[in-house]
Amino acid sequence: ASAFLLFAESFAGYADKNVFLTDAAHNLDLLTEAADASALFPRVRGSAPAPLAGVTYDAFLASYRAEFGEEARSLSFTANAYDAAWLTLVGATWAALQETGFGGRALARGLRRVTGGVPVTFGADALGVTHDRFRLGEAIDVEGASGALDYDPTLEETSAPVEVWTIRADATGFASQYE
C-alpha cells in the first residue's frame, strides 16, 4: 500500500474527508504514486495559478528555453519568480534614483510606483524606460511574464485567476475550472 493510503487508514474518519492539494500535486505522478489510494480521488481538489498566456509570457518562454534548454511552462511559478526578480530591480532602480539608501522601505516606495504610469514590459528595454521615468519621479505600469502586475493602492496586492482542479473519473488526468 502507498504511504498516502497508510496515512489515511491510520486516522479514524479520514476516508470520509475531502482532500485539498496545492499546485505541486497537479501532476501525473500523483495519479501513479497514489494509485493505491484511488478511492480517495473523487474527493481530491486542488488549486494552482491559472495557465498563463500572452505576448510577454510567450517571449519569456522562448528566452527561458534558449537560455536553459527547458520548458518553463512545466514548472510552477517560474514566470512569477522572473517577475519577482524584475520587481526587485525596479525597486532598486527607484531607490538608487530617489532615495538615500537601498533598504526595504526604499525599495517598497519604488514598488508603489509600478501601477498607473507609462507601460513597461519586463524584458530587454524595461530597465531603460524604468530608469528614465523614475529619474523624473514618475510611475510606470508593469507587465510581466505572469501578466499585468496591477497593485491595488489600498490593499497593496495583485489578483489573478486561479485554476481549481479535480482528478478525472478515469484517473488519467485532471479536469480544471478557472475562477
N, C-alpha and C. Protein backbone atom coordinates (compact mmCIF):
# COMPACT_ATOMS: atom_id res chain seq x y z
N ALA A 1 0.85 -1.19 0.00
CA ALA A 1 0.00 0.00 0.00
C ALA A 1 0.88 1.25 0.00
N SER A 2 0.38 2.30 -0.60
CA SER A 2 1.15 3.54 -0.67
C SER A 2 1.22 4.20 0.70
N ALA A 3 2.20 5.04 0.88
CA ALA A 3 2.33 5.80 2.14
C ALA A 3 1.10 6.65 2.36
N PHE A 4 0.53 7.18 1.29
CA PHE A 4 -0.66 8.02 1.40
C PHE A 4 -1.83 7.21 1.95
N LEU A 5 -2.02 5.99 1.44
CA LEU A 5 -3.12 5.15 1.90
C LEU A 5 -2.90 4.73 3.35
N LEU A 6 -1.67 4.37 3.71
CA LEU A 6 -1.38 4.01 5.10
C LEU A 6 -1.66 5.19 6.03
N PHE A 7 -1.29 6.38 5.59
CA PHE A 7 -1.57 7.59 6.37
C PHE A 7 -3.08 7.76 6.55
N ALA A 8 -3.83 7.63 5.46
CA ALA A 8 -5.28 7.82 5.51
C ALA A 8 -5.95 6.79 6.41
N GLU A 9 -5.47 5.54 6.36
CA GLU A 9 -6.08 4.49 7.16
C GLU A 9 -5.78 4.62 8.64
N SER A 10 -4.75 5.36 9.00
CA SER A 10 -4.37 5.46 10.41
C SER A 10 -5.18 6.50 11.19
N PHE A 11 -6.05 7.24 10.54
CA PHE A 11 -6.87 8.24 11.20
C PHE A 11 -8.34 7.90 11.03
N ALA A 12 -9.03 7.74 12.14
CA ALA A 12 -10.45 7.42 12.09
C ALA A 12 -11.22 8.49 11.34
N GLY A 13 -12.07 8.07 10.42
CA GLY A 13 -12.90 9.00 9.67
C GLY A 13 -12.20 9.71 8.53
N TYR A 14 -10.91 9.48 8.37
CA TYR A 14 -10.17 10.19 7.32
C TYR A 14 -10.69 9.84 5.93
N ALA A 15 -11.10 8.60 5.75
CA ALA A 15 -11.56 8.16 4.44
C ALA A 15 -12.81 8.91 3.97
N ASP A 16 -13.50 9.56 4.89
CA ASP A 16 -14.70 10.32 4.54
C ASP A 16 -14.43 11.81 4.31
N LYS A 17 -13.20 12.24 4.50
CA LYS A 17 -12.85 13.66 4.39
C LYS A 17 -12.50 14.02 2.96
N ASN A 18 -12.71 15.29 2.62
CA ASN A 18 -12.24 15.81 1.35
C ASN A 18 -10.78 16.21 1.51
N VAL A 19 -10.06 16.16 0.41
CA VAL A 19 -8.63 16.49 0.41
C VAL A 19 -8.42 17.65 -0.54
N PHE A 20 -7.74 18.69 -0.07
CA PHE A 20 -7.43 19.84 -0.92
C PHE A 20 -5.91 19.94 -1.03
N LEU A 21 -5.40 19.94 -2.27
CA LEU A 21 -3.96 19.95 -2.52
C LEU A 21 -3.56 21.22 -3.26
N THR A 22 -2.28 21.51 -3.23
CA THR A 22 -1.76 22.70 -3.91
C THR A 22 -1.27 22.34 -5.31
N ASP A 23 -0.72 23.32 -5.99
CA ASP A 23 -0.27 23.15 -7.37
C ASP A 23 0.81 22.09 -7.51
N ALA A 24 1.62 21.84 -6.49
CA ALA A 24 2.69 20.86 -6.61
C ALA A 24 2.15 19.46 -6.87
N ALA A 25 0.93 19.17 -6.43
CA ALA A 25 0.34 17.86 -6.64
C ALA A 25 -0.34 17.74 -8.01
N HIS A 26 -0.41 18.82 -8.73
CA HIS A 26 -1.09 18.83 -10.03
C HIS A 26 -0.16 18.28 -11.11
N ASN A 27 0.17 17.00 -10.99
CA ASN A 27 1.00 16.34 -11.98
C ASN A 27 0.66 14.86 -12.01
N LEU A 28 1.03 14.20 -13.06
CA LEU A 28 0.66 12.80 -13.25
C LEU A 28 1.30 11.88 -12.22
N ASP A 29 2.38 12.31 -11.58
CA ASP A 29 2.99 11.49 -10.53
C ASP A 29 2.00 11.21 -9.41
N LEU A 30 1.15 12.17 -9.10
CA LEU A 30 0.14 11.95 -8.06
C LEU A 30 -0.72 10.74 -8.41
N LEU A 31 -1.12 10.65 -9.66
CA LEU A 31 -2.02 9.57 -10.08
C LEU A 31 -1.33 8.21 -10.05
N THR A 32 -0.06 8.16 -10.39
CA THR A 32 0.63 6.87 -10.40
C THR A 32 1.14 6.50 -9.01
N GLU A 33 1.70 7.46 -8.29
CA GLU A 33 2.27 7.16 -6.97
C GLU A 33 1.21 6.89 -5.91
N ALA A 34 0.04 7.45 -6.07
CA ALA A 34 -1.04 7.26 -5.09
C ALA A 34 -2.15 6.38 -5.64
N ALA A 35 -1.84 5.55 -6.63
CA ALA A 35 -2.86 4.71 -7.25
C ALA A 35 -3.56 3.82 -6.23
N ASP A 36 -2.84 3.37 -5.19
CA ASP A 36 -3.46 2.54 -4.16
C ASP A 36 -4.55 3.29 -3.40
N ALA A 37 -4.50 4.59 -3.43
CA ALA A 37 -5.48 5.41 -2.73
C ALA A 37 -6.50 5.99 -3.69
N SER A 38 -6.67 5.37 -4.84
CA SER A 38 -7.56 5.93 -5.87
C SER A 38 -9.01 6.07 -5.40
N ALA A 39 -9.39 5.35 -4.36
CA ALA A 39 -10.75 5.52 -3.82
C ALA A 39 -10.95 6.94 -3.27
N LEU A 40 -9.87 7.60 -2.91
CA LEU A 40 -9.96 8.97 -2.42
C LEU A 40 -10.02 10.00 -3.55
N PHE A 41 -9.65 9.62 -4.77
CA PHE A 41 -9.54 10.58 -5.88
C PHE A 41 -10.81 11.41 -6.10
N PRO A 42 -12.02 10.84 -5.98
CA PRO A 42 -13.20 11.67 -6.20
C PRO A 42 -13.35 12.81 -5.19
N ARG A 43 -12.68 12.72 -4.06
CA ARG A 43 -12.77 13.77 -3.04
C ARG A 43 -11.57 14.71 -3.04
N VAL A 44 -10.69 14.54 -4.03
CA VAL A 44 -9.50 15.39 -4.12
C VAL A 44 -9.79 16.61 -4.98
N ARG A 45 -9.44 17.77 -4.48
CA ARG A 45 -9.48 19.04 -5.21
C ARG A 45 -8.12 19.70 -5.01
N GLY A 46 -7.80 20.58 -5.92
CA GLY A 46 -6.55 21.31 -5.76
C GLY A 46 -6.65 22.67 -6.42
N SER A 47 -5.67 23.50 -6.15
CA SER A 47 -5.62 24.82 -6.79
C SER A 47 -4.22 25.07 -7.32
N ALA A 48 -4.18 25.94 -8.29
CA ALA A 48 -2.91 26.34 -8.92
C ALA A 48 -3.16 27.67 -9.61
N PRO A 49 -2.10 28.41 -9.89
CA PRO A 49 -2.31 29.61 -10.71
C PRO A 49 -2.89 29.19 -12.05
N ALA A 50 -3.81 29.98 -12.58
CA ALA A 50 -4.37 29.68 -13.90
C ALA A 50 -3.25 29.72 -14.94
N PRO A 51 -3.38 28.90 -16.00
CA PRO A 51 -2.35 28.92 -17.04
C PRO A 51 -2.16 30.33 -17.60
N LEU A 52 -0.92 30.65 -17.86
CA LEU A 52 -0.57 31.98 -18.35
C LEU A 52 -0.60 32.01 -19.88
N ALA A 53 -0.78 33.19 -20.43
CA ALA A 53 -0.81 33.36 -21.88
C ALA A 53 -0.47 34.81 -22.20
N GLY A 54 -0.17 35.07 -23.44
CA GLY A 54 0.08 36.43 -23.90
C GLY A 54 1.45 36.59 -24.52
N VAL A 55 1.64 37.72 -25.14
CA VAL A 55 2.88 38.02 -25.86
C VAL A 55 4.08 38.04 -24.91
N THR A 56 3.93 38.68 -23.76
CA THR A 56 5.04 38.78 -22.81
C THR A 56 5.39 37.40 -22.27
N TYR A 57 4.38 36.60 -21.97
CA TYR A 57 4.62 35.25 -21.47
C TYR A 57 5.30 34.40 -22.55
N ASP A 58 4.85 34.51 -23.78
CA ASP A 58 5.46 33.75 -24.87
C ASP A 58 6.92 34.13 -25.06
N ALA A 59 7.23 35.42 -24.96
CA ALA A 59 8.63 35.88 -25.07
C ALA A 59 9.46 35.32 -23.92
N PHE A 60 8.89 35.30 -22.72
CA PHE A 60 9.57 34.72 -21.56
C PHE A 60 9.87 33.24 -21.81
N LEU A 61 8.86 32.49 -22.30
CA LEU A 61 9.06 31.06 -22.55
C LEU A 61 10.19 30.83 -23.56
N ALA A 62 10.20 31.61 -24.63
CA ALA A 62 11.24 31.46 -25.66
C ALA A 62 12.62 31.79 -25.09
N SER A 63 12.71 32.85 -24.32
CA SER A 63 14.00 33.22 -23.71
C SER A 63 14.47 32.15 -22.72
N TYR A 64 13.56 31.64 -21.93
CA TYR A 64 13.90 30.62 -20.94
C TYR A 64 14.41 29.36 -21.65
N ARG A 65 13.69 28.95 -22.69
CA ARG A 65 14.06 27.76 -23.46
C ARG A 65 15.45 27.95 -24.08
N ALA A 66 15.71 29.14 -24.63
CA ALA A 66 17.00 29.40 -25.26
C ALA A 66 18.14 29.40 -24.23
N GLU A 67 17.88 29.91 -23.06
CA GLU A 67 18.92 30.01 -22.03
C GLU A 67 19.16 28.69 -21.31
N PHE A 68 18.09 27.97 -20.96
CA PHE A 68 18.23 26.80 -20.10
C PHE A 68 17.92 25.46 -20.79
N GLY A 69 17.39 25.51 -22.02
CA GLY A 69 17.08 24.28 -22.73
C GLY A 69 15.93 23.49 -22.12
N GLU A 70 15.08 24.16 -21.34
CA GLU A 70 13.94 23.52 -20.68
C GLU A 70 12.67 24.31 -20.96
N GLU A 71 11.56 23.67 -20.73
CA GLU A 71 10.27 24.33 -20.87
C GLU A 71 9.84 24.90 -19.52
N ALA A 72 9.75 26.21 -19.43
CA ALA A 72 9.32 26.86 -18.18
C ALA A 72 7.85 26.61 -17.89
N ARG A 73 7.07 26.32 -18.91
CA ARG A 73 5.63 26.10 -18.73
C ARG A 73 5.35 24.95 -17.76
N SER A 74 6.24 23.98 -17.69
CA SER A 74 6.00 22.81 -16.84
C SER A 74 6.45 23.02 -15.40
N LEU A 75 6.99 24.18 -15.09
CA LEU A 75 7.48 24.45 -13.74
C LEU A 75 6.58 25.48 -13.05
N SER A 76 6.13 25.16 -11.86
CA SER A 76 5.26 26.09 -11.13
C SER A 76 5.99 27.38 -10.78
N PHE A 77 5.31 28.46 -10.98
CA PHE A 77 5.73 29.78 -10.52
C PHE A 77 7.03 30.30 -11.15
N THR A 78 7.50 29.72 -12.24
CA THR A 78 8.72 30.21 -12.88
C THR A 78 8.53 31.63 -13.39
N ALA A 79 7.42 31.89 -14.05
CA ALA A 79 7.14 33.24 -14.54
C ALA A 79 6.98 34.22 -13.38
N ASN A 80 6.39 33.76 -12.29
CA ASN A 80 6.22 34.62 -11.12
C ASN A 80 7.57 34.96 -10.49
N ALA A 81 8.47 33.99 -10.44
CA ALA A 81 9.81 34.24 -9.90
C ALA A 81 10.58 35.22 -10.77
N TYR A 82 10.42 35.09 -12.08
CA TYR A 82 11.03 36.03 -13.03
C TYR A 82 10.53 37.45 -12.75
N ASP A 83 9.21 37.56 -12.59
CA ASP A 83 8.64 38.88 -12.31
C ASP A 83 9.10 39.42 -10.97
N ALA A 84 9.23 38.56 -9.98
CA ALA A 84 9.70 39.00 -8.66
C ALA A 84 11.12 39.54 -8.75
N ALA A 85 11.97 38.89 -9.55
CA ALA A 85 13.34 39.39 -9.74
C ALA A 85 13.31 40.76 -10.41
N TRP A 86 12.46 40.90 -11.43
CA TRP A 86 12.33 42.20 -12.10
C TRP A 86 11.83 43.27 -11.13
N LEU A 87 10.85 42.93 -10.31
CA LEU A 87 10.33 43.90 -9.35
C LEU A 87 11.40 44.34 -8.36
N THR A 88 12.28 43.43 -7.99
CA THR A 88 13.41 43.79 -7.13
C THR A 88 14.30 44.81 -7.84
N LEU A 89 14.58 44.57 -9.12
CA LEU A 89 15.39 45.53 -9.89
C LEU A 89 14.68 46.88 -10.02
N VAL A 90 13.36 46.84 -10.22
CA VAL A 90 12.59 48.08 -10.34
C VAL A 90 12.65 48.86 -9.02
N GLY A 91 12.44 48.16 -7.91
CA GLY A 91 12.52 48.82 -6.61
C GLY A 91 13.91 49.39 -6.35
N ALA A 92 14.93 48.64 -6.71
CA ALA A 92 16.31 49.12 -6.53
C ALA A 92 16.61 50.31 -7.43
N THR A 93 16.02 50.34 -8.61
CA THR A 93 16.20 51.49 -9.51
C THR A 93 15.61 52.74 -8.89
N TRP A 94 14.41 52.62 -8.34
CA TRP A 94 13.80 53.76 -7.65
C TRP A 94 14.69 54.21 -6.49
N ALA A 95 15.14 53.26 -5.69
CA ALA A 95 15.96 53.58 -4.52
C ALA A 95 17.24 54.30 -4.94
N ALA A 96 17.86 53.83 -6.02
CA ALA A 96 19.10 54.46 -6.49
C ALA A 96 18.88 55.89 -6.95
N LEU A 97 17.73 56.16 -7.53
CA LEU A 97 17.48 57.48 -8.11
C LEU A 97 16.76 58.45 -7.17
N GLN A 98 15.95 57.93 -6.25
CA GLN A 98 15.09 58.82 -5.47
C GLN A 98 15.25 58.70 -3.95
N GLU A 99 16.00 57.74 -3.47
CA GLU A 99 16.13 57.50 -2.03
C GLU A 99 17.58 57.68 -1.59
N THR A 100 17.78 57.61 -0.30
CA THR A 100 19.14 57.75 0.24
C THR A 100 19.80 56.42 0.54
N GLY A 101 19.13 55.32 0.27
CA GLY A 101 19.70 54.00 0.52
C GLY A 101 18.91 52.91 -0.18
N PHE A 102 19.35 51.67 0.04
CA PHE A 102 18.72 50.52 -0.61
C PHE A 102 17.98 49.62 0.37
N GLY A 103 17.55 50.16 1.48
CA GLY A 103 16.81 49.35 2.45
C GLY A 103 15.44 48.94 1.93
N GLY A 104 14.79 48.08 2.70
CA GLY A 104 13.49 47.56 2.31
C GLY A 104 12.45 48.64 2.07
N ARG A 105 12.43 49.67 2.89
CA ARG A 105 11.45 50.74 2.71
C ARG A 105 11.71 51.53 1.42
N ALA A 106 12.96 51.74 1.10
CA ALA A 106 13.29 52.46 -0.13
C ALA A 106 12.83 51.67 -1.35
N LEU A 107 13.07 50.36 -1.34
CA LEU A 107 12.60 49.52 -2.45
C LEU A 107 11.07 49.48 -2.49
N ALA A 108 10.45 49.41 -1.32
CA ALA A 108 8.98 49.37 -1.26
C ALA A 108 8.38 50.65 -1.83
N ARG A 109 9.01 51.79 -1.58
CA ARG A 109 8.49 53.03 -2.15
C ARG A 109 8.56 52.99 -3.68
N GLY A 110 9.56 52.34 -4.22
CA GLY A 110 9.63 52.16 -5.67
C GLY A 110 8.53 51.25 -6.18
N LEU A 111 8.23 50.21 -5.42
CA LEU A 111 7.18 49.27 -5.84
C LEU A 111 5.80 49.90 -5.79
N ARG A 112 5.66 50.98 -5.06
CA ARG A 112 4.38 51.70 -5.06
C ARG A 112 4.18 52.48 -6.36
N ARG A 113 5.18 52.48 -7.21
CA ARG A 113 5.10 53.23 -8.47
C ARG A 113 5.12 52.33 -9.70
N VAL A 114 4.57 51.12 -9.57
CA VAL A 114 4.57 50.19 -10.69
C VAL A 114 3.19 50.00 -11.29
N THR A 115 2.24 50.86 -10.95
CA THR A 115 0.89 50.79 -11.50
C THR A 115 0.45 52.19 -11.88
N GLY A 116 -0.09 52.33 -13.08
CA GLY A 116 -0.72 53.58 -13.46
C GLY A 116 0.15 54.60 -14.17
N GLY A 117 1.32 54.20 -14.61
CA GLY A 117 2.17 55.13 -15.34
C GLY A 117 2.40 54.67 -16.76
N VAL A 118 3.55 55.01 -17.30
CA VAL A 118 3.94 54.61 -18.65
C VAL A 118 4.08 53.09 -18.69
N PRO A 119 3.50 52.43 -19.71
CA PRO A 119 3.60 50.96 -19.78
C PRO A 119 5.04 50.49 -19.94
N VAL A 120 5.40 49.47 -19.14
CA VAL A 120 6.72 48.85 -19.21
C VAL A 120 6.52 47.35 -19.19
N THR A 121 7.07 46.68 -20.19
CA THR A 121 7.02 45.22 -20.27
C THR A 121 8.38 44.68 -19.85
N PHE A 122 8.38 43.77 -18.88
CA PHE A 122 9.65 43.21 -18.42
C PHE A 122 10.33 42.49 -19.58
N GLY A 123 11.54 42.91 -19.85
CA GLY A 123 12.33 42.37 -20.95
C GLY A 123 13.49 43.30 -21.21
N ALA A 124 14.05 43.23 -22.38
CA ALA A 124 15.30 43.91 -22.72
C ALA A 124 15.28 45.42 -22.47
N ASP A 125 14.18 46.10 -22.77
CA ASP A 125 14.14 47.56 -22.65
C ASP A 125 13.58 48.06 -21.32
N ALA A 126 13.19 47.17 -20.45
CA ALA A 126 12.47 47.56 -19.23
C ALA A 126 13.29 48.47 -18.31
N LEU A 127 14.55 48.16 -18.09
CA LEU A 127 15.33 48.98 -17.15
C LEU A 127 15.59 50.37 -17.69
N GLY A 128 15.78 50.51 -19.00
CA GLY A 128 16.00 51.83 -19.57
C GLY A 128 14.80 52.74 -19.39
N VAL A 129 13.61 52.23 -19.72
CA VAL A 129 12.38 53.01 -19.57
C VAL A 129 12.12 53.29 -18.10
N THR A 130 12.31 52.27 -17.25
CA THR A 130 12.10 52.44 -15.81
C THR A 130 13.03 53.51 -15.27
N HIS A 131 14.29 53.46 -15.64
CA HIS A 131 15.26 54.46 -15.19
C HIS A 131 14.83 55.86 -15.61
N ASP A 132 14.45 56.03 -16.87
CA ASP A 132 14.06 57.35 -17.36
C ASP A 132 12.85 57.89 -16.60
N ARG A 133 11.85 57.07 -16.36
CA ARG A 133 10.63 57.52 -15.67
C ARG A 133 10.90 57.78 -14.19
N PHE A 134 11.62 56.88 -13.56
CA PHE A 134 11.90 57.04 -12.13
C PHE A 134 12.82 58.22 -11.87
N ARG A 135 13.73 58.51 -12.79
CA ARG A 135 14.59 59.69 -12.64
C ARG A 135 13.75 60.95 -12.55
N LEU A 136 12.60 60.95 -13.27
CA LEU A 136 11.68 62.08 -13.25
C LEU A 136 10.68 61.99 -12.10
N GLY A 137 10.75 60.91 -11.30
CA GLY A 137 9.82 60.74 -10.20
C GLY A 137 8.46 60.24 -10.63
N GLU A 138 8.36 59.72 -11.86
CA GLU A 138 7.08 59.26 -12.40
C GLU A 138 6.87 57.77 -12.18
N ALA A 139 5.62 57.36 -12.27
CA ALA A 139 5.26 55.94 -12.14
C ALA A 139 5.39 55.24 -13.48
N ILE A 140 5.41 53.91 -13.42
CA ILE A 140 5.36 53.05 -14.59
C ILE A 140 4.20 52.07 -14.38
N ASP A 141 3.80 51.37 -15.42
CA ASP A 141 2.75 50.37 -15.31
C ASP A 141 3.30 49.08 -15.89
N VAL A 142 3.69 48.15 -15.02
CA VAL A 142 4.45 46.98 -15.46
C VAL A 142 3.57 45.81 -15.85
N GLU A 143 4.06 45.10 -16.87
CA GLU A 143 3.50 43.82 -17.25
C GLU A 143 4.65 42.83 -17.27
N GLY A 144 4.45 41.73 -16.58
CA GLY A 144 5.49 40.72 -16.51
C GLY A 144 5.09 39.45 -17.23
N ALA A 145 5.91 38.45 -17.12
CA ALA A 145 5.63 37.16 -17.73
C ALA A 145 4.36 36.54 -17.16
N SER A 146 4.06 36.86 -15.90
CA SER A 146 2.86 36.30 -15.26
C SER A 146 1.62 37.15 -15.52
N GLY A 147 1.75 38.23 -16.26
CA GLY A 147 0.61 39.09 -16.59
C GLY A 147 0.79 40.50 -16.07
N ALA A 148 -0.30 41.25 -16.10
CA ALA A 148 -0.27 42.63 -15.60
C ALA A 148 -0.07 42.59 -14.08
N LEU A 149 0.83 43.40 -13.60
CA LEU A 149 1.12 43.45 -12.17
C LEU A 149 0.51 44.74 -11.60
N ASP A 150 -0.81 44.78 -11.64
CA ASP A 150 -1.54 45.96 -11.18
C ASP A 150 -1.83 45.83 -9.69
N TYR A 151 -1.11 46.60 -8.91
CA TYR A 151 -1.27 46.57 -7.46
C TYR A 151 -2.42 47.47 -7.04
N ASP A 152 -3.25 46.96 -6.17
CA ASP A 152 -4.32 47.75 -5.58
C ASP A 152 -3.67 48.72 -4.60
N PRO A 153 -3.88 50.04 -4.77
CA PRO A 153 -3.20 51.00 -3.91
C PRO A 153 -3.61 50.92 -2.44
N THR A 154 -4.80 50.42 -2.16
CA THR A 154 -5.24 50.31 -0.77
C THR A 154 -4.77 49.00 -0.14
N LEU A 155 -4.98 47.89 -0.83
CA LEU A 155 -4.62 46.59 -0.28
C LEU A 155 -3.16 46.23 -0.51
N GLU A 156 -2.52 46.90 -1.47
CA GLU A 156 -1.13 46.65 -1.85
C GLU A 156 -0.90 45.21 -2.27
N GLU A 157 -1.83 44.68 -3.05
CA GLU A 157 -1.68 43.33 -3.58
C GLU A 157 -2.25 43.27 -4.99
N THR A 158 -1.97 42.18 -5.68
CA THR A 158 -2.49 41.96 -7.02
C THR A 158 -3.52 40.84 -6.97
N SER A 159 -4.17 40.61 -8.08
CA SER A 159 -5.08 39.48 -8.17
C SER A 159 -4.85 38.80 -9.51
N ALA A 160 -5.19 37.53 -9.56
CA ALA A 160 -5.02 36.76 -10.79
C ALA A 160 -5.98 35.58 -10.76
N PRO A 161 -6.33 35.06 -11.93
CA PRO A 161 -7.21 33.88 -11.97
C PRO A 161 -6.55 32.66 -11.32
N VAL A 162 -7.38 31.80 -10.76
CA VAL A 162 -6.91 30.58 -10.11
C VAL A 162 -7.56 29.37 -10.78
N GLU A 163 -6.79 28.34 -10.99
CA GLU A 163 -7.30 27.08 -11.50
C GLU A 163 -7.68 26.19 -10.32
N VAL A 164 -8.88 25.65 -10.34
CA VAL A 164 -9.31 24.65 -9.37
C VAL A 164 -9.43 23.34 -10.14
N TRP A 165 -8.68 22.33 -9.69
CA TRP A 165 -8.63 21.08 -10.45
C TRP A 165 -9.15 19.90 -9.64
N THR A 166 -9.61 18.90 -10.37
CA THR A 166 -10.04 17.62 -9.80
C THR A 166 -9.38 16.52 -10.62
N ILE A 167 -9.42 15.32 -10.11
CA ILE A 167 -8.90 14.17 -10.84
C ILE A 167 -10.04 13.58 -11.67
N ARG A 168 -9.78 13.35 -12.96
CA ARG A 168 -10.80 12.76 -13.83
C ARG A 168 -11.25 11.40 -13.29
N ALA A 169 -12.48 11.04 -13.57
CA ALA A 169 -13.06 9.78 -13.09
C ALA A 169 -12.22 8.57 -13.51
N ASP A 170 -11.58 8.63 -14.70
CA ASP A 170 -10.78 7.50 -15.16
C ASP A 170 -9.34 7.56 -14.63
N ALA A 171 -9.03 8.57 -13.81
CA ALA A 171 -7.71 8.74 -13.17
C ALA A 171 -6.57 8.85 -14.17
N THR A 172 -6.85 9.36 -15.37
CA THR A 172 -5.81 9.53 -16.38
C THR A 172 -5.31 10.96 -16.47
N GLY A 173 -5.90 11.86 -15.75
CA GLY A 173 -5.50 13.27 -15.82
C GLY A 173 -6.39 14.11 -14.92
N PHE A 174 -6.45 15.39 -15.25
CA PHE A 174 -7.14 16.36 -14.41
C PHE A 174 -8.18 17.14 -15.20
N ALA A 175 -9.22 17.55 -14.51
CA ALA A 175 -10.22 18.44 -15.07
C ALA A 175 -10.07 19.77 -14.33
N SER A 176 -10.23 20.87 -15.05
CA SER A 176 -9.99 22.18 -14.44
C SER A 176 -11.13 23.14 -14.70
N GLN A 177 -11.30 24.06 -13.77
CA GLN A 177 -12.15 25.22 -13.96
C GLN A 177 -11.37 26.41 -13.45
N TYR A 178 -11.73 27.60 -13.89
CA TYR A 178 -10.97 28.80 -13.55
C TYR A 178 -11.85 29.82 -12.86
N GLU A 179 -11.31 30.38 -11.80
CA GLU A 179 -12.06 31.38 -11.03
C GLU A 179 -11.24 32.65 -10.93
